[in-house]
C-alpha atoms as a PDB file:
ATOM      1  CA  UNK A   1      -0.176  -0.001  -0.197  1.00  0.00           C
ATOM      2  CA  UNK A   2       1.499   3.376  -0.997  1.00  0.00           C
ATOM      3  CA  UNK A   3       1.160   6.038   1.509  1.00  0.00           C
ATOM      4  CA  UNK A   4       2.583   9.606   1.149  1.00  0.00           C
ATOM      5  CA  UNK A   5       2.483  11.503   4.514  1.00  0.00           C
ATOM      6  CA  UNK A   6       3.163  15.358   4.567  1.00  0.00           C
ATOM      7  CA  UNK A   7       4.252  17.296   7.503  1.00  0.00           C
ATOM      8  CA  UNK A   8       5.334  20.642   8.404  1.00  0.00           C
ATOM      9  CA  UNK A   9       2.612  22.987   7.303  1.00  0.00           C
ATOM     10  CA  UNK A  10       1.030  25.749   9.594  1.00  0.00           C
ATOM     11  CA  UNK A  11       1.205  29.291  10.055  1.00  0.00           C
ATOM     12  CA  UNK A  12       4.145  31.456   8.609  1.00  0.00           C
ATOM     13  CA  UNK A  13       4.917  35.170   8.570  1.00  0.00           C
ATOM     14  CA  UNK A  14       5.571  36.860   5.630  1.00  0.00           C
ATOM     15  CA  UNK A  15       9.188  36.889   4.851  1.00  0.00           C
ATOM     16  CA  UNK A  16       9.645  33.827   7.129  1.00  0.00           C
ATOM     17  CA  UNK A  17      10.213  30.268   6.375  1.00  0.00           C
ATOM     18  CA  UNK A  18       8.683  26.855   6.543  1.00  0.00           C
ATOM     19  CA  UNK A  19       9.927  23.420   5.635  1.00  0.00           C
ATOM     20  CA  UNK A  20       7.332  20.518   4.304  1.00  0.00           C
ATOM     21  CA  UNK A  21       8.225  16.854   4.466  1.00  0.00           C
ATOM     22  CA  UNK A  22       6.894  13.977   2.741  1.00  0.00           C
ATOM     23  CA  UNK A  23       7.481  10.590   3.822  1.00  0.00           C
ATOM     24  CA  UNK A  24       6.906   7.930   1.287  1.00  0.00           C
ATOM     25  CA  UNK A  25       6.195   4.090   1.831  1.00  0.00           C
ATOM     26  CA  UNK A  26       5.166   1.183  -0.789  1.00  0.00           C
ATOM     27  CA  UNK A  27       7.053   2.724  -3.625  1.00  0.00           C
ATOM     28  CA  UNK A  28      10.537   2.464  -4.666  1.00  0.00           C
ATOM     29  CA  UNK A  29      11.280   6.046  -3.919  1.00  0.00           C
ATOM     30  CA  UNK A  30      14.360   6.590  -6.085  1.00  0.00           C
ATOM     31  CA  UNK A  31      12.497   5.472  -9.238  1.00  0.00           C
ATOM     32  CA  UNK A  32       9.953   8.097  -8.856  1.00  0.00           C
ATOM     33  CA  UNK A  33       9.681  11.655  -9.907  1.00  0.00           C
ATOM     34  CA  UNK A  34       8.502  13.578  -6.816  1.00  0.00           C
ATOM     35  CA  UNK A  35       6.562  16.772  -6.754  1.00  0.00           C
ATOM     36  CA  UNK A  36       4.931  19.377  -4.657  1.00  0.00           C
ATOM     37  CA  UNK A  37       1.583  20.927  -5.801  1.00  0.00           C
ATOM     38  CA  UNK A  38      -0.761  23.552  -3.980  1.00  0.00           C
ATOM     39  CA  UNK A  39      -4.200  24.574  -4.242  1.00  0.00           C
ATOM     40  CA  UNK A  40      -5.597  27.703  -2.995  1.00  0.00           C
ATOM     41  CA  UNK A  41      -9.346  28.363  -2.305  1.00  0.00           C
ATOM     42  CA  UNK A  42     -11.269  28.785  -5.408  1.00  0.00           C
ATOM     43  CA  UNK A  43      -8.207  28.005  -7.592  1.00  0.00           C
ATOM     44  CA  UNK A  44      -6.892  25.036  -9.626  1.00  0.00           C
ATOM     45  CA  UNK A  45      -4.133  22.979  -8.267  1.00  0.00           C
ATOM     46  CA  UNK A  46      -0.953  23.636  -9.526  1.00  0.00           C
ATOM     47  CA  UNK A  47       2.711  22.423  -9.769  1.00  0.00           C
ATOM     48  CA  UNK A  48       4.952  24.219  -7.344  1.00  0.00           C
ATOM     49  CA  UNK A  49       8.330  22.152  -7.497  1.00  0.00           C
ATOM     50  CA  UNK A  50       9.429  18.802  -8.830  1.00  0.00           C
ATOM     51  CA  UNK A  51      12.555  16.680  -8.999  1.00  0.00           C
ATOM     52  CA  UNK A  52      12.824  13.742 -11.445  1.00  0.00           C
ATOM     53  CA  UNK A  53      14.537  10.388 -10.604  1.00  0.00           C
ATOM     54  CA  UNK A  54      17.392  11.623 -12.308  1.00  0.00           C
ATOM     55  CA  UNK A  55      17.787  14.665 -10.208  1.00  0.00           C
ATOM     56  CA  UNK A  56      16.589  17.564 -12.429  1.00  0.00           C
ATOM     57  CA  UNK A  57      14.403  20.058 -10.623  1.00  0.00           C
ATOM     58  CA  UNK A  58      11.626  22.376 -11.734  1.00  0.00           C
ATOM     59  CA  UNK A  59      10.185  25.183 -10.111  1.00  0.00           C
ATOM     60  CA  UNK A  60       7.156  27.521 -10.718  1.00  0.00           C
ATOM     61  CA  UNK A  61       8.096  31.071 -11.832  1.00  0.00           C
ATOM     62  CA  UNK A  62       6.062  32.201  -8.631  1.00  0.00           C
ATOM     63  CA  UNK A  63       8.341  30.351  -6.340  1.00  0.00           C
ATOM     64  CA  UNK A  64      11.647  30.320  -8.287  1.00  0.00           C
ATOM     65  CA  UNK A  65      14.424  31.640  -5.840  1.00  0.00           C
ATOM     66  CA  UNK A  66      12.480  31.151  -2.857  1.00  0.00           C
ATOM     67  CA  UNK A  67      11.534  27.454  -2.725  1.00  0.00           C
ATOM     68  CA  UNK A  68      13.793  24.426  -2.792  1.00  0.00           C
ATOM     69  CA  UNK A  69      12.989  20.732  -3.444  1.00  0.00           C
ATOM     70  CA  UNK A  70      15.148  18.014  -2.254  1.00  0.00           C
ATOM     71  CA  UNK A  71      15.288  14.298  -1.438  1.00  0.00           C
ATOM     72  CA  UNK A  72      16.728  12.045   0.978  1.00  0.00           C
ATOM     73  CA  UNK A  73      16.547   8.540  -0.524  1.00  0.00           C
ATOM     74  CA  UNK A  74      17.801   6.936   2.511  1.00  0.00           C
ATOM     75  CA  UNK A  75      14.681   8.285   4.355  1.00  0.00           C
ATOM     76  CA  UNK A  76      12.306   7.955   1.132  1.00  0.00           C
ATOM     77  CA  UNK A  77      11.307  11.685   1.886  1.00  0.00           C
ATOM     78  CA  UNK A  78      11.026  14.828  -0.102  1.00  0.00           C
ATOM     79  CA  UNK A  79      11.190  18.348   1.172  1.00  0.00           C
ATOM     80  CA  UNK A  80       9.963  21.598   0.225  1.00  0.00           C
ATOM     81  CA  UNK A  81      11.928  24.570   1.828  1.00  0.00           C
ATOM     82  CA  UNK A  82       9.973  27.590   1.577  1.00  0.00           C
ATOM     83  CA  UNK A  83      11.796  31.063   2.358  1.00  0.00           C
ATOM     84  CA  UNK A  84      10.753  34.734   1.884  1.00  0.00           C
ATOM     85  CA  UNK A  85       6.911  33.298   2.121  1.00  0.00           C
ATOM     86  CA  UNK A  86       4.237  35.717   0.877  1.00  0.00           C
ATOM     87  CA  UNK A  87       0.683  35.893   1.558  1.00  0.00           C
ATOM     88  CA  UNK A  88      -0.075  34.232  -1.771  1.00  0.00           C
ATOM     89  CA  UNK A  89       1.745  31.228  -0.839  1.00  0.00           C
ATOM     90  CA  UNK A  90      -1.416  30.334   1.453  1.00  0.00           C
ATOM     91  CA  UNK A  91      -2.876  27.053  -0.019  1.00  0.00           C
ATOM     92  CA  UNK A  92      -2.996  23.427   0.871  1.00  0.00           C
ATOM     93  CA  UNK A  93       0.256  21.727  -0.331  1.00  0.00           C
ATOM     94  CA  UNK A  94       0.221  18.210  -1.677  1.00  0.00           C
ATOM     95  CA  UNK A  95       2.896  15.845  -2.336  1.00  0.00           C
ATOM     96  CA  UNK A  96       3.068  13.539  -5.463  1.00  0.00           C
ATOM     97  CA  UNK A  97       4.747  10.724  -6.541  1.00  0.00           C
ATOM     98  CA  UNK A  98       4.895   9.793 -10.166  1.00  0.00           C
ATOM     99  CA  UNK A  99       6.143   7.010 -12.328  1.00  0.00           C
ATOM    100  CA  UNK A 100       5.824   5.197 -15.633  1.00  0.00           C
ATOM    101  CA  UNK A 101       6.438   1.381 -15.506  1.00  0.00           C
ATOM    102  CA  UNK A 102       5.623  -0.919 -18.442  1.00  0.00           C
ATOM    103  CA  UNK A 103       3.839   1.710 -20.307  1.00  0.00           C
ATOM    104  CA  UNK A 104       1.485   2.358 -17.091  1.00  0.00           C
ATOM    105  CA  UNK A 105       1.548   5.662 -15.333  1.00  0.00           C
ATOM    106  CA  UNK A 106       1.092   5.862 -11.631  1.00  0.00           C
ATOM    107  CA  UNK A 107       0.417   8.797  -9.537  1.00  0.00           C
ATOM    108  CA  UNK A 108      -0.005   8.990  -5.811  1.00  0.00           C
ATOM    109  CA  UNK A 109      -0.953  11.721  -3.546  1.00  0.00           C
ATOM    110  CA  UNK A 110      -0.642  12.767  -0.032  1.00  0.00           C
ATOM    111  CA  UNK A 111      -3.341  14.015   1.962  1.00  0.00           C
ATOM    112  CA  UNK A 112      -2.392  17.547   1.955  1.00  0.00           C
ATOM    113  CA  UNK A 113      -1.093  19.939   4.567  1.00  0.00           C
ATOM    114  CA  UNK A 114      -2.342  23.505   5.070  1.00  0.00           C
ATOM    115  CA  UNK A 115       0.342  26.465   4.773  1.00  0.00           C
ATOM    116  CA  UNK A 116      -1.291  29.711   5.879  1.00  0.00           C
ATOM    117  CA  UNK A 117       1.054  32.971   5.412  1.00  0.00           C
ATOM    118  CA  UNK A 118      -0.147  35.823   7.547  1.00  0.00           C
ATOM    119  CA  UNK A 119       1.073  38.427  10.018  1.00  0.00           C
END
């Protein structure tokens, strides 16, 4: 059974920092592309940052230079370090694991963790 468990959300101040963690089980972590998505009220879910199994990273323009995605394969965990927080970063953040095996696509999601940026 695949599980992605996020933690680290909460209340952050503008200009402050938070770090999200996503612990994965039931998958071969190093073979998956890992990503962080977010969904704000009334908006579509959007990709924030991702890292491929080969180590290539992607960042949305809105977070480039402020957020950093990283992985610890020994702990089967992906992190999102969020610095210089802005109120518009307020959203539910979801962890995603994506892979393609034998021409079949697999997508797994965590339950989400709320991030609120406010003074």
